[in-house]
Amino acid sequence: MSLYRCSACGCVENTALANYWQRKMDQQPLLCSACDPEIGVWHGQFTQRSATGMLIDGRGLLWHPMTLMSMPAHATIVGIVQEDAQKG
């Protein structure tokens, strides 16, 4: 399950449950299903939660700190999601 941070609300979202790939190809902001005007509702596949504290890899995808030991070799951590002062 590939995860990313919604650029509007800062939540964790799954690339398969929103328009991630289309938006990425079109170089548009990466939005969760709730913030995407084409969808407009949270999918309910998991609880909507903040990405604060999650690890960011070189591709911009998110990893939970508990999965650090099981990450694939190609995934290099480049940062950690900090609380957004405007949203926080």
Protein backbone atom coordinates (compact mmCIF):
# COMPACT_ATOMS: atom_id res chain seq x y z
CA MET A 1 0.00 0.00 0.00
CA SER A 2 1.65 3.23 -1.17
CA LEU A 3 0.79 6.24 0.97
CA TYR A 4 1.21 9.98 0.44
CA ARG A 5 0.32 13.25 2.17
CA CYS A 6 -2.63 15.30 0.93
CA SER A 7 -1.35 18.75 -0.01
CA ALA A 8 -4.61 20.38 1.12
CA CYS A 9 -5.41 18.89 4.53
CA GLY A 10 -2.20 17.01 5.39
CA CYS A 11 -3.79 13.61 5.92
CA VAL A 12 -2.39 10.21 4.91
CA GLU A 13 -3.93 8.81 1.73
CA ASN A 14 -3.48 5.66 -0.34
CA THR A 15 -2.41 6.17 -3.97
CA ALA A 16 -5.03 3.63 -5.12
CA LEU A 17 -7.99 5.30 -3.38
CA ALA A 18 -7.79 8.79 -4.89
CA ASN A 19 -6.68 10.40 -8.15
CA TYR A 20 -2.99 10.33 -7.15
CA TRP A 21 -1.52 9.02 -10.40
CA GLN A 22 -3.56 11.27 -12.69
CA ARG A 23 -2.79 14.33 -10.57
CA LYS A 24 0.91 13.41 -10.43
CA MET A 25 1.07 13.02 -14.24
CA ASP A 26 -0.74 16.37 -14.69
CA GLN A 27 1.55 18.00 -12.09
CA GLN A 28 -1.45 19.03 -9.97
CA PRO A 29 -1.57 19.13 -6.16
CA LEU A 30 -1.82 15.64 -4.66
CA LEU A 31 -5.15 15.54 -2.85
CA CYS A 32 -6.91 12.94 -0.72
CA SER A 33 -10.31 11.64 -1.76
CA ALA A 34 -12.08 14.09 0.58
CA CYS A 35 -10.25 17.16 -0.77
CA ASP A 36 -10.36 16.15 -4.44
CA PRO A 37 -13.32 17.98 -6.05
CA GLU A 38 -13.85 15.03 -8.41
CA ILE A 39 -14.47 12.69 -5.44
CA GLY A 40 -15.36 14.96 -2.50
CA VAL A 41 -15.79 12.30 0.19
CA TRP A 42 -13.45 10.22 2.35
CA HIS A 43 -13.44 6.62 1.06
CA GLY A 44 -13.74 4.95 4.47
CA GLN A 45 -11.19 2.20 3.76
CA PHE A 46 -9.22 3.38 6.82
CA THR A 47 -9.55 6.19 9.35
CA GLN A 48 -8.57 9.63 8.06
CA ARG A 49 -5.53 10.78 10.07
CA SER A 50 -2.72 13.33 9.96
CA ALA A 51 0.57 12.46 8.25
CA THR A 52 2.53 14.22 11.02
CA GLY A 53 5.37 12.00 12.23
CA MET A 54 5.40 9.74 9.19
CA LEU A 55 8.63 9.17 7.28
CA ILE A 56 9.06 10.44 3.71
CA ASP A 57 11.04 8.44 1.15
CA GLY A 58 12.88 9.75 -1.91
CA ARG A 59 9.78 9.31 -4.08
CA GLY A 60 7.63 11.39 -1.71
CA LEU A 61 5.75 8.38 -0.36
CA LEU A 62 5.05 7.91 3.35
CA TRP A 63 6.12 5.18 5.73
CA HIS A 64 5.04 4.59 9.31
CA PRO A 65 8.06 4.58 11.66
CA MET A 66 7.11 1.06 12.85
CA THR A 67 7.72 -0.29 9.31
CA LEU A 68 11.26 1.07 9.08
CA MET A 69 12.89 -2.35 9.53
CA SER A 70 10.75 -3.94 6.81
CA MET A 71 11.20 -1.24 4.16
CA PRO A 72 12.49 -2.36 0.76
CA ALA A 73 16.13 -1.58 0.00
CA HIS A 74 15.21 0.99 -2.68
CA ALA A 75 13.26 3.14 -0.19
CA THR A 76 15.52 5.80 1.26
CA ILE A 77 14.13 8.01 4.02
CA VAL A 78 14.72 11.69 3.26
CA GLY A 79 12.60 13.36 5.93
CA ILE A 80 9.78 13.30 8.41
CA VAL A 81 6.40 15.02 8.13
CA GLN A 82 6.31 17.95 10.52
CA GLU A 83 3.09 19.47 11.80
CA ASP A 84 1.92 22.19 9.43
CA ALA A 85 1.64 25.41 11.45
CA GLN A 86 -1.19 26.67 9.20
CA LYS A 87 -3.24 23.48 9.66
CA GLY A 88 -1.97 22.33 13.05
